């Protein structure tokens, strides 16, 4: 199953994050004994949807109409943030 959120995404304000330059990333990580990448897998499907907003991303199948109880991912227009890059030290 695939849900097309293009119309909803066009209505949402965009957050832009420029890609870091590789030379800057190498400089910032030098001198550390351990380097780790965490993808925050368990961060998905944890933010509850407001009941009045659930129908905005509802989808219809041959069997029924379904609404998410939680945000399927951090949506571009959500007030909840968590997908943006952060520095952990």
C-alpha atoms as a PDB file:
ATOM      1  CA  UNK A   1       0.000   0.000   0.000  1.00  0.00           C
ATOM      2  CA  UNK A   2       1.210   3.471  -0.786  1.00  0.00           C
ATOM      3  CA  UNK A   3      -0.305   6.798   0.350  1.00  0.00           C
ATOM      4  CA  UNK A   4       0.233   9.893  -1.787  1.00  0.00           C
ATOM      5  CA  UNK A   5       0.889  12.911   0.476  1.00  0.00           C
ATOM      6  CA  UNK A   6       1.981  15.279  -2.322  1.00  0.00           C
ATOM      7  CA  UNK A   7      -1.031  17.607  -1.976  1.00  0.00           C
ATOM      8  CA  UNK A   8      -0.631  17.752   1.818  1.00  0.00           C
ATOM      9  CA  UNK A   9       3.131  18.317   1.495  1.00  0.00           C
ATOM     10  CA  UNK A  10       2.566  21.244  -0.884  1.00  0.00           C
ATOM     11  CA  UNK A  11       0.317  22.921   1.701  1.00  0.00           C
ATOM     12  CA  UNK A  12       2.897  22.530   4.488  1.00  0.00           C
ATOM     13  CA  UNK A  13       5.688  25.002   5.227  1.00  0.00           C
ATOM     14  CA  UNK A  14       9.105  23.638   4.304  1.00  0.00           C
ATOM     15  CA  UNK A  15      12.016  23.197   6.683  1.00  0.00           C
ATOM     16  CA  UNK A  16      15.286  23.359   4.806  1.00  0.00           C
ATOM     17  CA  UNK A  17      18.491  21.836   6.039  1.00  0.00           C
ATOM     18  CA  UNK A  18      21.554  22.395   3.864  1.00  0.00           C
ATOM     19  CA  UNK A  19      23.729  19.338   3.398  1.00  0.00           C
ATOM     20  CA  UNK A  20      26.990  19.630   5.310  1.00  0.00           C
ATOM     21  CA  UNK A  21      30.181  19.714   3.300  1.00  0.00           C
ATOM     22  CA  UNK A  22      32.219  16.532   3.614  1.00  0.00           C
ATOM     23  CA  UNK A  23      35.435  18.373   4.561  1.00  0.00           C
ATOM     24  CA  UNK A  24      33.593  20.121   7.408  1.00  0.00           C
ATOM     25  CA  UNK A  25      32.182  16.792   8.629  1.00  0.00           C
ATOM     26  CA  UNK A  26      35.638  15.178   8.637  1.00  0.00           C
ATOM     27  CA  UNK A  27      37.075  18.126  10.572  1.00  0.00           C
ATOM     28  CA  UNK A  28      34.243  18.000  13.128  1.00  0.00           C
ATOM     29  CA  UNK A  29      34.656  14.260  13.770  1.00  0.00           C
ATOM     30  CA  UNK A  30      38.442  14.138  14.060  1.00  0.00           C
ATOM     31  CA  UNK A  31      39.834  13.668  17.545  1.00  0.00           C
ATOM     32  CA  UNK A  32      37.017  11.423  18.802  1.00  0.00           C
ATOM     33  CA  UNK A  33      37.722   7.797  19.719  1.00  0.00           C
ATOM     34  CA  UNK A  34      34.187   6.602  18.901  1.00  0.00           C
ATOM     35  CA  UNK A  35      31.838   7.648  16.141  1.00  0.00           C
ATOM     36  CA  UNK A  36      28.253   6.411  15.991  1.00  0.00           C
ATOM     37  CA  UNK A  37      25.199   6.975  13.824  1.00  0.00           C
ATOM     38  CA  UNK A  38      21.766   6.577  15.395  1.00  0.00           C
ATOM     39  CA  UNK A  39      18.778   6.555  13.076  1.00  0.00           C
ATOM     40  CA  UNK A  40      16.217   6.990  15.866  1.00  0.00           C
ATOM     41  CA  UNK A  41      14.278   3.972  14.611  1.00  0.00           C
ATOM     42  CA  UNK A  42      12.096   3.910  17.713  1.00  0.00           C
ATOM     43  CA  UNK A  43      11.206   7.585  17.203  1.00  0.00           C
ATOM     44  CA  UNK A  44       8.744   6.688  14.459  1.00  0.00           C
ATOM     45  CA  UNK A  45       5.114   5.969  15.303  1.00  0.00           C
ATOM     46  CA  UNK A  46       5.284   7.556  18.756  1.00  0.00           C
ATOM     47  CA  UNK A  47       3.617  10.927  18.237  1.00  0.00           C
ATOM     48  CA  UNK A  48      -0.147  10.799  18.698  1.00  0.00           C
ATOM     49  CA  UNK A  49      -2.325  12.394  16.023  1.00  0.00           C
ATOM     50  CA  UNK A  50      -4.931  14.939  17.077  1.00  0.00           C
ATOM     51  CA  UNK A  51      -8.360  13.439  16.374  1.00  0.00           C
ATOM     52  CA  UNK A  52      -9.366  16.427  14.237  1.00  0.00           C
ATOM     53  CA  UNK A  53      -6.240  15.989  12.090  1.00  0.00           C
ATOM     54  CA  UNK A  54      -6.407  12.217  11.635  1.00  0.00           C
ATOM     55  CA  UNK A  55      -8.937  12.448   8.797  1.00  0.00           C
ATOM     56  CA  UNK A  56      -6.586  14.726   6.841  1.00  0.00           C
ATOM     57  CA  UNK A  57      -4.246  11.806   6.227  1.00  0.00           C
ATOM     58  CA  UNK A  58      -6.889   9.077   6.132  1.00  0.00           C
ATOM     59  CA  UNK A  59      -6.751   6.534   3.342  1.00  0.00           C
ATOM     60  CA  UNK A  60      -9.391   4.377   1.697  1.00  0.00           C
ATOM     61  CA  UNK A  61      -9.063   0.729   0.687  1.00  0.00           C
ATOM     62  CA  UNK A  62     -11.527  -1.720  -0.822  1.00  0.00           C
ATOM     63  CA  UNK A  63     -12.351  -2.823   2.717  1.00  0.00           C
ATOM     64  CA  UNK A  64     -12.698   0.375   4.754  1.00  0.00           C
ATOM     65  CA  UNK A  65     -11.455   3.895   5.467  1.00  0.00           C
ATOM     66  CA  UNK A  66      -8.535   4.072   7.874  1.00  0.00           C
ATOM     67  CA  UNK A  67      -7.061   6.892   9.969  1.00  0.00           C
ATOM     68  CA  UNK A  68      -3.716   6.915  11.694  1.00  0.00           C
ATOM     69  CA  UNK A  69      -3.755   7.084  15.499  1.00  0.00           C
ATOM     70  CA  UNK A  70      -0.124   8.170  15.455  1.00  0.00           C
ATOM     71  CA  UNK A  71       1.872  10.149  12.905  1.00  0.00           C
ATOM     72  CA  UNK A  72       3.243   7.719  10.337  1.00  0.00           C
ATOM     73  CA  UNK A  73       6.491   9.750  10.239  1.00  0.00           C
ATOM     74  CA  UNK A  74       7.362  13.242  11.281  1.00  0.00           C
ATOM     75  CA  UNK A  75       5.256  15.084   8.737  1.00  0.00           C
ATOM     76  CA  UNK A  76       6.733  18.270   7.236  1.00  0.00           C
ATOM     77  CA  UNK A  77       3.966  20.470   8.660  1.00  0.00           C
ATOM     78  CA  UNK A  78       3.781  18.900  12.118  1.00  0.00           C
ATOM     79  CA  UNK A  79       4.489  21.113  15.108  1.00  0.00           C
ATOM     80  CA  UNK A  80       6.448  18.222  16.585  1.00  0.00           C
ATOM     81  CA  UNK A  81      10.063  18.304  15.574  1.00  0.00           C
ATOM     82  CA  UNK A  82      12.582  15.550  15.927  1.00  0.00           C
ATOM     83  CA  UNK A  83      13.879  14.683  12.510  1.00  0.00           C
ATOM     84  CA  UNK A  84      16.216  17.608  12.165  1.00  0.00           C
ATOM     85  CA  UNK A  85      19.950  17.149  12.667  1.00  0.00           C
ATOM     86  CA  UNK A  86      21.292  17.702  16.160  1.00  0.00           C
ATOM     87  CA  UNK A  87      24.676  17.799  17.777  1.00  0.00           C
ATOM     88  CA  UNK A  88      25.189  15.298  20.605  1.00  0.00           C
ATOM     89  CA  UNK A  89      28.167  15.894  22.886  1.00  0.00           C
END
